Amino acid sequence: MRTNDGFAMLISLVARMTVRIEADQIIRTVRLPLGFALFAILSFAPVSAGASTRTFVSGSGNDMNSCSRKAPCRTFASAITKTDAGGEIIVMDSAEYGPLSIDRNIKIAAAKGVYAGVNVAPQETGIEISSPSVTRVQLSGLRIISQGADSIGISFNGTGFLYIEDCIVDGFFGFVASKGIGIAVLNAGYVSVKDTTVRNGSTGILAAQGGIGALITLDEVRLEGNNYVGLHLNDNHKATMRNSVLSGNTNAGFLVDAQASSSELNIEECSITRNGTGGKAFGNGGSASGIVRISSSTVAHNDVGLLIKGGTVLSAANNTIRDNQSAFDVMPHDIDGVLVIYKLR
């Protein structure tokens, strides 16, 4: 009310000044003061409650807030509705921030030392990216934790870019083949995972059957303690894994399984130890082959080192493939597929 009273006084003053001057000056005199009056009105008018390029969430926040630094929101789901496409959600302090369906380009970031949790209920998905309008998503510093069976940590069903950095995805076990997955890549796009651990689930990272085929890069990633496989590549997908660890996965550290069209995995400077099988390369015995290239890596202390069944393994002479528990480091001894051990140029 005070602001409106001020506007009224300002306009009244302008009117009184105009009356006092000569007629030939009225138009010129009124135009200038009324211009100032209009500027004042617009300056004091409230800003639209639209989206922002940067929003904030806090454990003490409220989803009715604007998601500004001074008035943060409580959950990711609320913050994204108040964030412009291409904007950023910043986690201010340690708390659990809830699951999220991403429908726009976004970056979600938590600083080191901040616990930015996403608890995922049974048969649900923690972070889902499926909108065709999404071309770029970055997730940094999140802790995505399963609360029950047959859930998925991160599901990517797009064709754009997904960057996952400094995250922990934990406990996504399942009784259904298509569930119990830490990170699921369902179609195509470019996926980069760096400085991230996916552990204690059924499948750590799955590049699913039926997709167009994604390009996947894993750098300094740990796939540990999964009761099926650490990394599972199906038809059409291509992945490169560097400086990473696959350990304690019950069935296999990695499985490259091509049944309709070929898939490829390049492994560089990795440790593949204490799995059921270090790695499996499967194919259909014809045009589709699971192709694995390994260099500067260790495959040791698994039940079986490598299992080749219709696939192709190209192993550089600088690998260490030994001390696996079976009679042979590569199974079967009469290889059903192709194993090539070559020297680097």
Protein backbone atom coordinates (compact mmCIF):
# COMPACT_ATOMS: atom_id res chain seq x y z
CA MET A 1 0.00 0.00 0.00
CA ARG A 2 2.88 2.39 0.71
CA THR A 3 4.24 1.93 -2.81
CA ASN A 4 0.83 2.63 -4.37
CA ASP A 5 0.40 5.80 -2.19
CA GLY A 6 3.77 6.99 -3.43
CA PHE A 7 2.77 6.45 -7.05
CA ALA A 8 -0.46 8.40 -6.49
CA MET A 9 1.40 11.34 -4.89
CA LEU A 10 3.91 11.37 -7.76
CA ILE A 11 1.22 11.44 -10.44
CA SER A 12 -0.79 14.11 -8.51
CA LEU A 13 2.30 16.31 -8.30
CA VAL A 14 2.86 15.98 -12.06
CA ALA A 15 -0.74 17.01 -12.73
CA ARG A 16 -0.52 20.13 -10.49
CA MET A 17 2.71 21.23 -12.17
CA THR A 18 1.14 20.86 -15.60
CA VAL A 19 -1.87 23.03 -14.77
CA ARG A 20 0.35 25.97 -13.77
CA ILE A 21 2.28 26.27 -17.00
CA GLU A 22 1.28 27.93 -20.27
CA ALA A 23 -0.76 26.01 -22.81
CA ASP A 24 1.98 25.82 -25.45
CA GLN A 25 4.22 24.02 -22.93
CA ILE A 26 1.69 21.42 -21.72
CA ILE A 27 2.60 18.55 -24.02
CA ARG A 28 6.36 18.95 -23.51
CA THR A 29 6.08 19.38 -19.73
CA VAL A 30 3.71 16.48 -19.14
CA ARG A 31 5.67 14.05 -21.30
CA LEU A 32 8.86 14.25 -19.23
CA PRO A 33 7.38 13.90 -15.69
CA LEU A 34 5.01 11.15 -16.79
CA GLY A 35 7.97 9.32 -18.28
CA PHE A 36 9.67 9.46 -14.87
CA ALA A 37 6.45 8.29 -13.23
CA LEU A 38 6.19 5.30 -15.57
CA PHE A 39 9.83 4.39 -14.90
CA ALA A 40 9.19 4.48 -11.16
CA ILE A 41 6.13 2.27 -11.47
CA LEU A 42 7.98 -0.34 -13.53
CA SER A 43 10.96 -0.26 -11.19
CA PHE A 44 8.85 -1.05 -8.14
CA ALA A 45 6.69 -3.66 -9.88
CA PRO A 46 7.34 -7.24 -8.71
CA VAL A 47 9.60 -9.44 -10.87
CA SER A 48 7.86 -12.32 -12.61
CA ALA A 49 8.12 -15.59 -10.73
CA GLY A 50 9.61 -17.31 -13.77
CA ALA A 51 12.52 -19.71 -14.04
CA SER A 52 16.14 -18.88 -13.27
CA THR A 53 19.43 -19.97 -14.81
CA ARG A 54 20.69 -21.02 -11.37
CA THR A 55 18.66 -22.48 -8.53
CA PHE A 56 19.53 -23.91 -5.11
CA VAL A 57 18.38 -26.78 -2.89
CA SER A 58 19.00 -27.25 0.82
CA GLY A 59 18.04 -29.65 3.57
CA SER A 60 16.35 -26.70 5.29
CA GLY A 61 14.70 -25.48 2.10
CA ASN A 62 11.02 -25.38 1.16
CA ASP A 63 9.53 -26.33 -2.20
CA MET A 64 7.25 -23.29 -2.01
CA ASN A 65 10.33 -21.06 -2.20
CA SER A 66 11.77 -19.48 -5.34
CA CYS A 67 14.87 -21.73 -5.16
CA SER A 68 17.19 -18.74 -4.90
CA ARG A 69 20.29 -18.84 -2.71
CA LYS A 70 18.43 -17.02 0.06
CA ALA A 71 15.23 -19.06 -0.39
CA PRO A 72 16.30 -22.55 -1.55
CA CYS A 73 13.98 -25.40 -2.45
CA ARG A 74 13.89 -28.75 -0.69
CA THR A 75 13.88 -31.22 -3.60
CA PHE A 76 15.37 -31.61 -7.06
CA ALA A 77 11.88 -32.21 -8.48
CA SER A 78 10.74 -28.76 -7.40
CA ALA A 79 13.97 -26.98 -8.31
CA ILE A 80 13.98 -28.18 -11.91
CA THR A 81 10.56 -26.62 -12.54
CA LYS A 82 12.06 -23.26 -11.56
CA THR A 83 15.26 -23.63 -13.57
CA ASP A 84 15.70 -22.52 -17.17
CA ALA A 85 16.70 -25.07 -19.79
CA GLY A 86 20.48 -25.10 -19.80
CA GLY A 87 20.57 -23.90 -16.20
CA GLU A 88 22.06 -25.34 -13.02
CA ILE A 89 20.79 -26.72 -9.72
CA ILE A 90 23.31 -26.31 -6.90
CA VAL A 91 23.22 -28.41 -3.72
CA MET A 92 24.00 -26.20 -0.74
CA ASP A 93 24.30 -28.75 2.08
CA SER A 94 24.05 -32.45 2.92
CA ALA A 95 20.57 -34.00 2.69
CA GLU A 96 18.42 -36.36 0.64
CA TYR A 97 16.80 -34.54 -2.30
CA GLY A 98 14.50 -37.10 -3.86
CA PRO A 99 14.13 -38.69 -7.31
CA LEU A 100 13.86 -36.64 -10.46
CA SER A 101 12.55 -36.85 -14.03
CA ILE A 102 14.65 -34.56 -16.22
CA ASP A 103 12.76 -32.81 -19.03
CA ARG A 104 15.26 -30.13 -20.02
CA ASN A 105 19.00 -29.54 -20.38
CA ILE A 106 20.35 -29.20 -16.84
CA LYS A 107 23.40 -29.45 -14.60
CA ILE A 108 23.00 -30.72 -11.03
CA ALA A 109 26.09 -30.25 -8.89
CA ALA A 110 27.15 -30.87 -5.30
CA ALA A 111 30.56 -29.81 -4.04
CA LYS A 112 32.97 -32.34 -2.57
CA GLY A 113 32.12 -33.09 1.03
CA VAL A 114 28.41 -32.47 0.51
CA TYR A 115 26.14 -35.53 0.63
CA ALA A 116 23.56 -35.00 -2.12
CA GLY A 117 21.40 -38.10 -1.74
CA VAL A 118 18.73 -39.55 -4.00
CA ASN A 119 16.90 -42.45 -2.32
CA VAL A 120 15.10 -44.73 -4.77
CA ALA A 121 12.06 -46.79 -3.78
CA PRO A 122 11.64 -50.42 -4.96
CA GLN A 123 10.76 -50.72 -8.68
CA GLU A 124 11.32 -47.00 -9.19
CA THR A 125 13.98 -44.93 -10.97
CA GLY A 126 16.18 -42.38 -9.23
CA ILE A 127 16.99 -40.05 -12.13
CA GLU A 128 15.16 -40.56 -15.42
CA ILE A 129 16.12 -38.84 -18.67
CA SER A 130 13.76 -39.67 -21.51
CA SER A 131 12.44 -36.44 -23.02
CA PRO A 132 13.46 -35.96 -26.71
CA SER A 133 14.05 -32.27 -25.98
CA VAL A 134 16.92 -33.09 -23.62
CA THR A 135 20.30 -32.89 -25.35
CA ARG A 136 22.71 -32.26 -22.48
CA VAL A 137 22.65 -33.35 -18.83
CA GLN A 138 25.45 -33.21 -16.26
CA LEU A 139 25.23 -34.92 -12.86
CA SER A 140 28.03 -34.21 -10.41
CA GLY A 141 28.58 -35.25 -6.81
CA LEU A 142 25.36 -37.24 -6.29
CA ARG A 143 24.80 -40.31 -4.09
CA ILE A 144 22.04 -42.44 -5.61
CA ILE A 145 20.96 -45.19 -3.21
CA SER A 146 18.48 -48.03 -3.74
CA GLN A 147 15.90 -48.65 -1.02
CA GLY A 148 14.66 -51.98 -2.44
CA ALA A 149 14.65 -54.49 -5.29
CA ASP A 150 14.15 -53.97 -9.03
CA SER A 151 14.98 -50.27 -9.08
CA ILE A 152 17.24 -48.29 -11.43
CA GLY A 153 19.67 -45.57 -10.39
CA ILE A 154 20.00 -43.52 -13.58
CA SER A 155 17.99 -44.27 -16.73
CA PHE A 156 19.06 -42.58 -19.98
CA ASN A 157 16.75 -43.01 -22.96
CA GLY A 158 17.86 -40.12 -25.11
CA THR A 159 20.15 -39.27 -27.99
CA GLY A 160 22.07 -36.36 -26.50
CA PHE A 161 24.94 -36.05 -24.04
CA LEU A 162 24.97 -37.39 -20.50
CA TYR A 163 27.89 -36.60 -18.19
CA ILE A 164 28.14 -38.38 -14.82
CA GLU A 165 31.01 -37.31 -12.58
CA ASP A 166 32.03 -38.02 -8.98
CA CYS A 167 28.88 -40.00 -8.19
CA ILE A 168 28.15 -43.15 -6.16
CA VAL A 169 25.37 -45.46 -7.34
CA ASP A 170 24.77 -48.11 -4.69
CA GLY A 171 22.61 -51.17 -4.05
CA PHE A 172 20.52 -51.56 -7.23
CA PHE A 173 19.86 -55.31 -7.10
CA GLY A 174 16.98 -56.94 -8.89
CA PHE A 175 14.98 -60.10 -9.42
CA VAL A 176 13.80 -58.94 -12.88
CA ALA A 177 16.31 -59.05 -15.75
CA SER A 178 15.55 -55.49 -16.90
CA LYS A 179 15.78 -54.02 -13.38
CA GLY A 180 18.36 -53.86 -10.63
CA ILE A 181 20.64 -51.61 -12.70
CA GLY A 182 22.91 -48.83 -11.52
CA ILE A 183 23.12 -46.92 -14.81
CA ALA A 184 20.92 -47.95 -17.77
CA VAL A 185 21.65 -46.65 -21.29
CA LEU A 186 18.58 -47.62 -23.29
CA ASN A 187 19.01 -46.16 -26.75
CA ALA A 188 21.75 -43.94 -28.15
CA GLY A 189 23.66 -40.75 -27.41
CA TYR A 190 27.01 -40.04 -25.82
CA VAL A 191 27.55 -41.09 -22.21
CA SER A 192 30.61 -40.12 -20.18
CA VAL A 193 31.11 -41.56 -16.68
CA LYS A 194 34.11 -40.33 -14.69
CA ASP A 195 35.31 -40.74 -11.08
CA THR A 196 32.21 -42.76 -10.27
CA THR A 197 31.50 -45.98 -8.35
CA VAL A 198 28.62 -48.34 -9.18
CA ARG A 199 28.43 -51.13 -6.61
CA ASN A 200 26.37 -53.76 -4.79
CA GLY A 201 23.67 -54.12 -7.43
CA SER A 202 22.83 -56.68 -10.08
CA THR A 203 24.20 -54.94 -13.19
CA GLY A 204 26.48 -51.97 -12.69
CA ILE A 205 26.16 -50.33 -16.12
CA LEU A 206 23.87 -51.70 -18.84
CA ALA A 207 23.83 -50.66 -22.50
CA ALA A 208 20.55 -52.31 -23.35
CA GLN A 209 19.39 -54.48 -26.20
CA GLY A 210 17.24 -52.81 -28.85
CA GLY A 211 18.82 -49.38 -28.84
CA ILE A 212 20.34 -47.55 -31.81
CA GLY A 213 23.68 -47.73 -30.04
CA ALA A 214 25.45 -45.34 -27.68
CA LEU A 215 29.05 -44.19 -27.44
CA ILE A 216 30.16 -44.69 -23.85
CA THR A 217 33.35 -43.54 -22.12
CA LEU A 218 34.27 -44.77 -18.65
CA ASP A 219 37.26 -43.14 -16.98
CA GLU A 220 38.36 -43.89 -13.39
CA VAL A 221 35.18 -45.86 -12.78
CA ARG A 222 34.79 -48.64 -10.20
CA LEU A 223 32.26 -51.41 -10.90
CA GLU A 224 32.33 -53.54 -7.77
CA GLY A 225 30.34 -56.20 -5.97
CA ASN A 226 27.48 -56.53 -8.44
CA ASN A 227 25.78 -59.92 -8.37
CA TYR A 228 25.53 -60.19 -12.17
CA VAL A 229 28.03 -58.12 -14.17
CA GLY A 230 29.90 -54.86 -13.79
CA LEU A 231 29.49 -53.70 -17.41
CA HIS A 232 27.05 -55.25 -19.90
CA LEU A 233 27.13 -54.15 -23.57
CA ASN A 234 24.51 -55.39 -26.01
CA ASP A 235 24.11 -54.91 -29.78
CA ASN A 236 25.32 -51.69 -31.46
CA HIS A 237 26.87 -50.08 -28.40
CA LYS A 238 30.53 -49.03 -28.26
CA ALA A 239 32.42 -48.31 -25.07
CA THR A 240 35.92 -47.34 -23.99
CA MET A 241 37.04 -47.97 -20.42
CA ARG A 242 40.24 -46.45 -19.03
CA ASN A 243 41.96 -46.46 -15.64
CA SER A 244 39.07 -48.37 -14.11
CA VAL A 245 38.40 -51.30 -11.78
CA LEU A 246 36.03 -54.25 -12.25
CA SER A 247 36.13 -56.35 -9.12
CA GLY A 248 33.95 -58.71 -7.11
CA ASN A 249 31.21 -59.03 -9.72
CA THR A 250 29.64 -62.48 -9.31
CA ASN A 251 29.07 -63.47 -12.95
CA ALA A 252 31.58 -61.34 -14.83
CA GLY A 253 33.49 -58.11 -14.74
CA PHE A 254 32.29 -57.29 -18.26
CA LEU A 255 30.01 -58.96 -20.80
CA VAL A 256 30.00 -57.90 -24.45
CA ASP A 257 27.06 -59.76 -25.98
CA ALA A 258 26.27 -59.26 -29.68
CA GLN A 259 23.40 -61.29 -31.10
CA ALA A 260 22.02 -59.20 -33.98
CA SER A 261 24.81 -56.68 -34.68
CA SER A 262 28.30 -56.20 -33.32
CA SER A 263 29.24 -54.32 -30.17
CA GLU A 264 32.69 -53.16 -29.07
CA LEU A 265 34.59 -52.60 -25.84
CA ASN A 266 38.05 -51.05 -25.63
CA ILE A 267 39.86 -51.55 -22.31
CA GLU A 268 42.97 -49.57 -21.43
CA GLU A 269 44.96 -49.65 -18.17
CA CYS A 270 42.26 -51.39 -16.15
CA SER A 271 42.25 -53.91 -13.29
CA ILE A 272 39.85 -56.84 -13.72
CA THR A 273 40.14 -59.03 -10.64
CA ARG A 274 38.19 -61.32 -8.31
CA ASN A 275 35.15 -61.67 -10.55
CA GLY A 276 33.38 -64.90 -11.51
CA THR A 277 34.79 -64.40 -15.00
CA GLY A 278 37.01 -61.46 -15.79
CA GLY A 279 35.29 -60.79 -19.08
CA LYS A 280 33.03 -62.45 -21.66
CA ALA A 281 32.91 -61.86 -25.40
CA PHE A 282 29.82 -63.39 -27.01
CA GLY A 283 28.52 -63.39 -30.57
CA ASN A 284 26.06 -65.23 -32.78
CA GLY A 285 28.74 -67.13 -34.67
CA GLY A 286 28.03 -65.12 -37.80
CA SER A 287 27.97 -61.42 -38.60
CA ALA A 288 27.49 -60.23 -35.02
CA SER A 289 30.44 -60.36 -32.69
CA GLY A 290 31.21 -58.98 -29.28
CA ILE A 291 34.59 -57.37 -29.92
CA VAL A 292 36.95 -56.66 -27.03
CA ARG A 293 40.31 -54.92 -27.29
CA ILE A 294 42.51 -54.98 -24.18
CA SER A 295 45.81 -53.23 -23.58
CA SER A 296 47.97 -52.41 -20.54
CA SER A 297 45.52 -54.18 -18.24
CA THR A 298 45.48 -56.92 -15.62
CA VAL A 299 43.06 -59.86 -15.67
CA ALA A 300 43.91 -61.90 -12.60
CA HIS A 301 42.48 -63.81 -9.63
CA ASN A 302 39.12 -64.39 -11.30
CA ASP A 303 37.52 -67.84 -11.43
CA VAL A 304 38.00 -67.63 -15.21
CA GLY A 305 40.09 -64.99 -16.92
CA LEU A 306 38.32 -64.55 -20.27
CA LEU A 307 35.44 -66.50 -21.77
CA ILE A 308 35.08 -66.26 -25.56
CA LYS A 309 31.94 -67.65 -27.17
CA GLY A 310 31.38 -66.37 -30.69
CA GLY A 311 33.15 -63.12 -29.89
CA THR A 312 36.57 -61.64 -30.57
CA VAL A 313 39.25 -60.62 -28.07
CA LEU A 314 42.29 -58.67 -29.24
CA SER A 315 44.77 -58.73 -26.39
CA ALA A 316 47.99 -56.72 -26.47
CA ALA A 317 51.17 -58.40 -25.33
CA ASN A 318 51.47 -55.83 -22.53
CA ASN A 319 48.49 -57.28 -20.64
CA THR A 320 48.81 -59.47 -17.55
CA ILE A 321 46.36 -62.38 -17.89
CA ARG A 322 47.34 -64.94 -15.30
CA ASP A 323 46.69 -66.48 -11.88
CA ASN A 324 43.01 -67.03 -12.56
CA GLN A 325 41.55 -70.01 -10.72
CA SER A 326 40.54 -72.21 -13.65
CA ALA A 327 42.93 -74.47 -15.50
CA PHE A 328 43.09 -71.94 -18.30
CA ASP A 329 43.20 -68.16 -18.18
CA VAL A 330 41.13 -68.11 -21.37
CA MET A 331 38.13 -70.45 -21.73
CA PRO A 332 37.27 -72.60 -23.54
CA HIS A 333 40.72 -73.96 -24.31
CA ASP A 334 39.57 -74.77 -27.83
CA ILE A 335 38.37 -71.25 -28.41
CA ASP A 336 34.90 -70.83 -29.87
CA GLY A 337 35.67 -67.42 -31.34
CA VAL A 338 38.82 -65.42 -31.95
CA LEU A 339 41.68 -64.63 -29.59
CA VAL A 340 44.56 -62.60 -30.96
CA ILE A 341 47.58 -61.71 -28.85
CA TYR A 342 49.58 -59.01 -30.58
CA LYS A 343 52.58 -56.83 -29.99
CA LEU A 344 52.25 -53.07 -29.89
CA ARG A 345 53.92 -51.22 -32.70
